[in-house]
Amino acid sequence: MNDENIQQENTELDESKSEEFQDLEFVESTEDGEILPTKDVAKKLREEIKTLRKDKEEYLTGWQRAKADYVNLQKELDLARINIAILTKEKMVEKLLPALDSFDMAFSNKEHWEKIDKDWQDGITSIYQQILSGLEKSGIEKIDENGVPFDPSIHQSISIIETDEEKKDHTVANVLQVGYKIGERVIRPAKVTIFEHKK
């Protein structure tokens, strides 16, 4: 094999080196200038590859951990925003409750309500409906149904009315004070009387 063929083979070998070896520093001698045997060069290369792989794993693990932390932080921030929005609505409704209760009391007192001028009645009813509409658009619902099954998570029982009808047992007879909720979160339970079947 002549020198030209050897040089061509060496060039082909150099070109075929993988990217993994491109940044490696090939050392063929010790610091004092002594030539290292081939097996020492290979050993040194293996050690350097091992170190580089270890570093790569550490960097990859660190990056994955940082990415997971970022995703978790985003989820926590989104949840915090939702909770803040719900709490803000809840506080707003709590401040409006006395006014809403006053409307309900005015409407329930039929004797006095009927004495008010018809135009005034229409105006007051219209204002009340506008307030309720605004609350509904904000996701706030009234708890004011009669005849529904008693649910201690949204109802507060004030008194019991005995009944002969078994199907009415533990249903809401009358809402004494309207309750309010946002989704499943109760701002104030409805105060109710409930039917109880006489056995």
C-alpha atoms as a PDB file:
ATOM      1  CA  MET A   1       0.000   0.000   0.000  1.00  0.00           C
ATOM      2  CA  ASN A   2       1.577   3.299  -1.041  1.00  0.00           C
ATOM      3  CA  ASP A   3       1.604   6.610   0.869  1.00  0.00           C
ATOM      4  CA  GLU A   4      -1.112   8.047  -1.351  1.00  0.00           C
ATOM      5  CA  ASN A   5      -3.560   5.234  -0.478  1.00  0.00           C
ATOM      6  CA  ILE A   6      -2.775   5.536   3.232  1.00  0.00           C
ATOM      7  CA  GLN A   7      -3.371   9.291   3.143  1.00  0.00           C
ATOM      8  CA  GLN A   8      -6.686   8.784   1.283  1.00  0.00           C
ATOM      9  CA  GLU A   9      -7.849   6.209   3.882  1.00  0.00           C
ATOM     10  CA  ASN A  10      -6.932   8.577   6.740  1.00  0.00           C
ATOM     11  CA  THR A  11      -8.894  11.400   5.089  1.00  0.00           C
ATOM     12  CA  GLU A  12     -11.973   9.140   4.704  1.00  0.00           C
ATOM     13  CA  LEU A  13     -11.695   8.065   8.350  1.00  0.00           C
ATOM     14  CA  ASP A  14     -11.488  11.692   9.505  1.00  0.00           C
ATOM     15  CA  GLU A  15     -14.589  12.623   7.489  1.00  0.00           C
ATOM     16  CA  SER A  16     -16.588   9.683   8.828  1.00  0.00           C
ATOM     17  CA  LYS A  17     -16.029  10.599  12.476  1.00  0.00           C
ATOM     18  CA  SER A  18     -19.370  11.102  14.181  1.00  0.00           C
ATOM     19  CA  GLU A  19     -20.356  14.462  15.625  1.00  0.00           C
ATOM     20  CA  GLU A  20     -19.822  12.970  19.058  1.00  0.00           C
ATOM     21  CA  PHE A  21     -16.048  12.916  18.409  1.00  0.00           C
ATOM     22  CA  GLN A  22     -15.677  16.250  16.602  1.00  0.00           C
ATOM     23  CA  ASP A  23     -15.204  18.314  19.773  1.00  0.00           C
ATOM     24  CA  LEU A  24     -12.780  15.845  21.364  1.00  0.00           C
ATOM     25  CA  GLU A  25      -9.159  16.798  21.838  1.00  0.00           C
ATOM     26  CA  PHE A  26      -6.921  13.948  20.741  1.00  0.00           C
ATOM     27  CA  VAL A  27      -3.886  13.626  22.953  1.00  0.00           C
ATOM     28  CA  GLU A  28      -1.081  11.443  21.734  1.00  0.00           C
ATOM     29  CA  SER A  29       1.506  12.377  24.340  1.00  0.00           C
ATOM     30  CA  THR A  30       1.732  13.106  28.050  1.00  0.00           C
ATOM     31  CA  GLU A  31       2.414  16.558  29.410  1.00  0.00           C
ATOM     32  CA  ASP A  32       6.186  15.819  29.458  1.00  0.00           C
ATOM     33  CA  GLY A  33       6.086  14.931  25.752  1.00  0.00           C
ATOM     34  CA  GLU A  34       6.244  11.148  26.001  1.00  0.00           C
ATOM     35  CA  ILE A  35       4.226   9.382  23.311  1.00  0.00           C
ATOM     36  CA  LEU A  36       1.223   7.516  24.709  1.00  0.00           C
ATOM     37  CA  PRO A  37       0.602   3.956  23.608  1.00  0.00           C
ATOM     38  CA  THR A  38      -2.516   3.520  21.423  1.00  0.00           C
ATOM     39  CA  LYS A  39      -4.465   1.787  24.192  1.00  0.00           C
ATOM     40  CA  ASP A  40      -3.846   4.777  26.563  1.00  0.00           C
ATOM     41  CA  VAL A  41      -5.206   7.178  23.917  1.00  0.00           C
ATOM     42  CA  ALA A  42      -8.311   4.972  23.519  1.00  0.00           C
ATOM     43  CA  LYS A  43      -8.717   4.786  27.313  1.00  0.00           C
ATOM     44  CA  LYS A  44      -8.445   8.574  27.599  1.00  0.00           C
ATOM     45  CA  LEU A  45     -11.025   8.979  24.811  1.00  0.00           C
ATOM     46  CA  ARG A  46     -13.402   6.549  26.520  1.00  0.00           C
ATOM     47  CA  GLU A  47     -13.098   8.484  29.796  1.00  0.00           C
ATOM     48  CA  GLU A  48     -13.760  11.759  28.015  1.00  0.00           C
ATOM     49  CA  ILE A  49     -16.794  10.277  26.232  1.00  0.00           C
ATOM     50  CA  LYS A  50     -18.075   8.940  29.564  1.00  0.00           C
ATOM     51  CA  THR A  51     -17.682  12.402  31.151  1.00  0.00           C
ATOM     52  CA  LEU A  52     -19.418  14.091  28.218  1.00  0.00           C
ATOM     53  CA  ARG A  53     -22.318  11.625  28.343  1.00  0.00           C
ATOM     54  CA  LYS A  54     -22.693  12.194  32.074  1.00  0.00           C
ATOM     55  CA  ASP A  55     -22.704  15.984  31.538  1.00  0.00           C
ATOM     56  CA  LYS A  56     -25.267  15.597  28.741  1.00  0.00           C
ATOM     57  CA  GLU A  57     -27.567  13.541  31.006  1.00  0.00           C
ATOM     58  CA  GLU A  58     -27.264  16.123  33.794  1.00  0.00           C
ATOM     59  CA  TYR A  59     -28.089  18.986  31.441  1.00  0.00           C
ATOM     60  CA  LEU A  60     -31.020  17.064  29.926  1.00  0.00           C
ATOM     61  CA  THR A  61     -32.391  16.143  33.363  1.00  0.00           C
ATOM     62  CA  GLY A  62     -32.015  19.746  34.546  1.00  0.00           C
ATOM     63  CA  TRP A  63     -33.782  21.070  31.444  1.00  0.00           C
ATOM     64  CA  GLN A  64     -36.643  18.549  31.817  1.00  0.00           C
ATOM     65  CA  ARG A  65     -37.038  19.444  35.503  1.00  0.00           C
ATOM     66  CA  ALA A  66     -37.083  23.172  34.689  1.00  0.00           C
ATOM     67  CA  LYS A  67     -39.682  22.602  31.956  1.00  0.00           C
ATOM     68  CA  ALA A  68     -41.899  20.546  34.320  1.00  0.00           C
ATOM     69  CA  ASP A  69     -41.569  23.251  37.012  1.00  0.00           C
ATOM     70  CA  TYR A  70     -42.604  25.903  34.483  1.00  0.00           C
ATOM     71  CA  VAL A  71     -45.677  23.893  33.363  1.00  0.00           C
ATOM     72  CA  ASN A  72     -46.694  23.325  37.008  1.00  0.00           C
ATOM     73  CA  LEU A  73     -46.248  27.026  37.779  1.00  0.00           C
ATOM     74  CA  GLN A  74     -48.477  27.948  34.826  1.00  0.00           C
ATOM     75  CA  LYS A  75     -51.191  25.571  36.107  1.00  0.00           C
ATOM     76  CA  GLU A  76     -50.946  27.030  39.617  1.00  0.00           C
ATOM     77  CA  LEU A  77     -51.196  30.595  38.263  1.00  0.00           C
ATOM     78  CA  ASP A  78     -54.250  29.716  36.146  1.00  0.00           C
ATOM     79  CA  LEU A  79     -55.934  28.108  39.169  1.00  0.00           C
ATOM     80  CA  ALA A  80     -55.060  31.130  41.336  1.00  0.00           C
ATOM     81  CA  ARG A  81     -56.603  33.492  38.736  1.00  0.00           C
ATOM     82  CA  ILE A  82     -59.829  31.453  38.676  1.00  0.00           C
ATOM     83  CA  ASN A  83     -60.012  31.396  42.490  1.00  0.00           C
ATOM     84  CA  ILE A  84     -59.405  35.158  42.695  1.00  0.00           C
ATOM     85  CA  ALA A  85     -62.190  35.779  40.146  1.00  0.00           C
ATOM     86  CA  ILE A  86     -64.612  33.580  42.124  1.00  0.00           C
ATOM     87  CA  LEU A  87     -63.687  35.242  45.442  1.00  0.00           C
ATOM     88  CA  THR A  88     -64.168  38.687  43.896  1.00  0.00           C
ATOM     89  CA  LYS A  89     -67.660  37.740  42.683  1.00  0.00           C
ATOM     90  CA  GLU A  90     -68.468  36.202  46.060  1.00  0.00           C
ATOM     91  CA  LYS A  91     -67.468  39.391  47.915  1.00  0.00           C
ATOM     92  CA  MET A  92     -69.524  41.505  45.490  1.00  0.00           C
ATOM     93  CA  VAL A  93     -72.634  39.374  46.053  1.00  0.00           C
ATOM     94  CA  GLU A  94     -72.149  39.412  49.849  1.00  0.00           C
ATOM     95  CA  LYS A  95     -72.229  43.228  49.707  1.00  0.00           C
ATOM     96  CA  LEU A  96     -75.391  43.158  47.557  1.00  0.00           C
ATOM     97  CA  LEU A  97     -77.255  40.625  49.749  1.00  0.00           C
ATOM     98  CA  PRO A  98     -78.924  43.180  52.070  1.00  0.00           C
ATOM     99  CA  ALA A  99     -80.320  45.092  49.063  1.00  0.00           C
ATOM    100  CA  LEU A 100     -81.484  41.887  47.368  1.00  0.00           C
ATOM    101  CA  ASP A 101     -83.143  40.744  50.615  1.00  0.00           C
ATOM    102  CA  SER A 102     -84.933  44.108  50.850  1.00  0.00           C
ATOM    103  CA  PHE A 103     -86.354  43.615  47.351  1.00  0.00           C
ATOM    104  CA  ASP A 104     -87.519  40.090  48.276  1.00  0.00           C
ATOM    105  CA  MET A 105     -89.174  41.354  51.494  1.00  0.00           C
ATOM    106  CA  ALA A 106     -90.933  44.152  49.599  1.00  0.00           C
ATOM    107  CA  PHE A 107     -92.307  41.701  47.003  1.00  0.00           C
ATOM    108  CA  SER A 108     -93.402  39.167  49.646  1.00  0.00           C
ATOM    109  CA  ASN A 109     -95.450  41.749  51.609  1.00  0.00           C
ATOM    110  CA  LYS A 110     -98.439  41.582  49.255  1.00  0.00           C
ATOM    111  CA  GLU A 111    -100.627  43.961  51.270  1.00  0.00           C
ATOM    112  CA  HIS A 112     -98.158  46.855  51.148  1.00  0.00           C
ATOM    113  CA  TRP A 113     -96.917  45.997  47.644  1.00  0.00           C
ATOM    114  CA  GLU A 114    -100.428  46.288  46.186  1.00  0.00           C
ATOM    115  CA  LYS A 115    -100.837  49.785  47.697  1.00  0.00           C
ATOM    116  CA  ILE A 116     -97.857  51.131  45.710  1.00  0.00           C
ATOM    117  CA  ASP A 117     -98.559  52.962  42.455  1.00  0.00           C
ATOM    118  CA  LYS A 118     -98.443  50.629  39.418  1.00  0.00           C
ATOM    119  CA  ASP A 119     -95.709  52.681  37.686  1.00  0.00           C
ATOM    120  CA  TRP A 120     -93.548  52.451  40.846  1.00  0.00           C
ATOM    121  CA  GLN A 121     -94.119  48.707  41.019  1.00  0.00           C
ATOM    122  CA  ASP A 122     -93.009  48.317  37.406  1.00  0.00           C
ATOM    123  CA  GLY A 123     -89.928  50.488  37.979  1.00  0.00           C
ATOM    124  CA  ILE A 124     -88.848  48.634  41.130  1.00  0.00           C
ATOM    125  CA  THR A 125     -89.451  45.235  39.490  1.00  0.00           C
ATOM    126  CA  SER A 126     -87.438  46.336  36.431  1.00  0.00           C
ATOM    127  CA  ILE A 127     -84.461  47.454  38.586  1.00  0.00           C
ATOM    128  CA  TYR A 128     -84.568  44.161  40.502  1.00  0.00           C
ATOM    129  CA  GLN A 129     -84.627  42.150  37.253  1.00  0.00           C
ATOM    130  CA  GLN A 130     -81.641  44.121  35.907  1.00  0.00           C
ATOM    131  CA  ILE A 131     -79.623  43.332  39.049  1.00  0.00           C
ATOM    132  CA  LEU A 132     -80.530  39.621  38.834  1.00  0.00           C
ATOM    133  CA  SER A 133     -79.686  39.558  35.116  1.00  0.00           C
ATOM    134  CA  GLY A 134     -76.253  41.065  35.848  1.00  0.00           C
ATOM    135  CA  LEU A 135     -75.633  38.451  38.540  1.00  0.00           C
ATOM    136  CA  GLU A 136     -76.691  35.611  36.226  1.00  0.00           C
ATOM    137  CA  LYS A 137     -74.334  36.858  33.489  1.00  0.00           C
ATOM    138  CA  SER A 138     -71.553  36.757  36.094  1.00  0.00           C
ATOM    139  CA  GLY A 139     -72.336  33.089  36.827  1.00  0.00           C
ATOM    140  CA  ILE A 140     -74.233  33.749  40.076  1.00  0.00           C
ATOM    141  CA  GLU A 141     -77.445  31.769  40.576  1.00  0.00           C
ATOM    142  CA  LYS A 142     -80.350  32.101  42.991  1.00  0.00           C
ATOM    143  CA  ILE A 143     -81.344  29.189  45.221  1.00  0.00           C
ATOM    144  CA  ASP A 144     -85.083  29.792  45.521  1.00  0.00           C
ATOM    145  CA  GLU A 145     -87.025  26.780  44.234  1.00  0.00           C
ATOM    146  CA  ASN A 146     -89.933  25.265  46.137  1.00  0.00           C
ATOM    147  CA  GLY A 147     -90.826  21.579  45.817  1.00  0.00           C
ATOM    148  CA  VAL A 148     -87.251  20.400  45.207  1.00  0.00           C
ATOM    149  CA  PRO A 149     -85.581  17.761  47.408  1.00  0.00           C
ATOM    150  CA  PHE A 150     -83.953  19.214  50.524  1.00  0.00           C
ATOM    151  CA  ASP A 151     -80.169  19.440  50.010  1.00  0.00           C
ATOM    152  CA  PRO A 152     -78.143  20.391  53.114  1.00  0.00           C
ATOM    153  CA  SER A 153     -75.290  21.675  50.911  1.00  0.00           C
ATOM    154  CA  ILE A 154     -77.509  24.491  49.523  1.00  0.00           C
ATOM    155  CA  HIS A 155     -80.432  24.645  52.008  1.00  0.00           C
ATOM    156  CA  GLN A 156     -80.647  25.543  55.673  1.00  0.00           C
ATOM    157  CA  SER A 157     -83.731  24.058  57.351  1.00  0.00           C
ATOM    158  CA  ILE A 158     -85.498  26.549  59.631  1.00  0.00           C
ATOM    159  CA  SER A 159     -88.675  24.607  60.376  1.00  0.00           C
ATOM    160  CA  ILE A 160     -90.607  21.464  59.475  1.00  0.00           C
ATOM    161  CA  ILE A 161     -94.159  21.122  58.150  1.00  0.00           C
ATOM    162  CA  GLU A 162     -95.797  17.743  58.620  1.00  0.00           C
ATOM    163  CA  THR A 163     -97.548  16.263  55.584  1.00  0.00           C
ATOM    164  CA  ASP A 164     -99.685  13.223  54.765  1.00  0.00           C
ATOM    165  CA  GLU A 165     -98.231  13.027  51.246  1.00  0.00           C
ATOM    166  CA  GLU A 166     -95.259  10.660  51.215  1.00  0.00           C
ATOM    167  CA  LYS A 167     -93.885  12.044  47.929  1.00  0.00           C
ATOM    168  CA  LYS A 168     -93.405  15.477  49.573  1.00  0.00           C
ATOM    169  CA  ASP A 169     -91.221  14.003  52.341  1.00  0.00           C
ATOM    170  CA  HIS A 170     -87.989  16.019  52.735  1.00  0.00           C
ATOM    171  CA  THR A 171     -88.803  18.492  49.949  1.00  0.00           C
ATOM    172  CA  VAL A 172     -88.678  22.277  50.239  1.00  0.00           C
ATOM    173  CA  ALA A 173     -92.077  23.639  51.309  1.00  0.00           C
ATOM    174  CA  ASN A 174     -91.190  27.314  51.262  1.00  0.00           C
ATOM    175  CA  VAL A 175     -88.073  29.481  50.764  1.00  0.00           C
ATOM    176  CA  LEU A 176     -87.885  31.991  53.614  1.00  0.00           C
ATOM    177  CA  GLN A 177     -84.648  33.623  52.468  1.00  0.00           C
ATOM    178  CA  VAL A 178     -83.160  33.241  48.966  1.00  0.00           C
ATOM    179  CA  GLY A 179     -79.695  31.669  48.732  1.00  0.00           C
ATOM    180  CA  TYR A 180     -76.971  32.323  46.137  1.00  0.00           C
ATOM    181  CA  LYS A 181     -74.191  30.257  44.579  1.00  0.00           C
ATOM    182  CA  ILE A 182     -71.404  30.470  41.992  1.00  0.00           C
ATOM    183  CA  GLY A 183     -71.246  27.130  40.190  1.00  0.00           C
ATOM    184  CA  GLU A 184     -71.071  24.581  43.005  1.00  0.00           C
ATOM    185  CA  ARG A 185     -69.721  27.120  45.511  1.00  0.00           C
ATOM    186  CA  VAL A 186     -72.484  28.320  47.856  1.00  0.00           C
ATOM    187  CA  ILE A 187     -72.271  31.992  48.855  1.00  0.00           C
ATOM    188  CA  ARG A 188     -75.267  31.713  51.163  1.00  0.00           C
ATOM    189  CA  PRO A 189     -77.601  28.719  51.636  1.00  0.00           C
ATOM    190  CA  ALA A 190     -81.325  29.286  51.201  1.00  0.00           C
ATOM    191  CA  LYS A 191     -83.292  29.301  54.472  1.00  0.00           C
ATOM    192  CA  VAL A 192     -86.241  26.967  53.990  1.00  0.00           C
ATOM    193  CA  THR A 193     -89.093  25.100  55.624  1.00  0.00           C
ATOM    194  CA  ILE A 194     -89.295  21.442  54.657  1.00  0.00           C
ATOM    195  CA  PHE A 195     -92.060  18.876  54.484  1.00  0.00           C
ATOM    196  CA  GLU A 196     -91.807  15.791  56.680  1.00  0.00           C
ATOM    197  CA  HIS A 197     -94.074  12.816  56.093  1.00  0.00           C
ATOM    198  CA  LYS A 198     -96.031  11.610  59.142  1.00  0.00           C
ATOM    199  CA  LYS A 199     -95.522   7.852  59.493  1.00  0.00           C
END
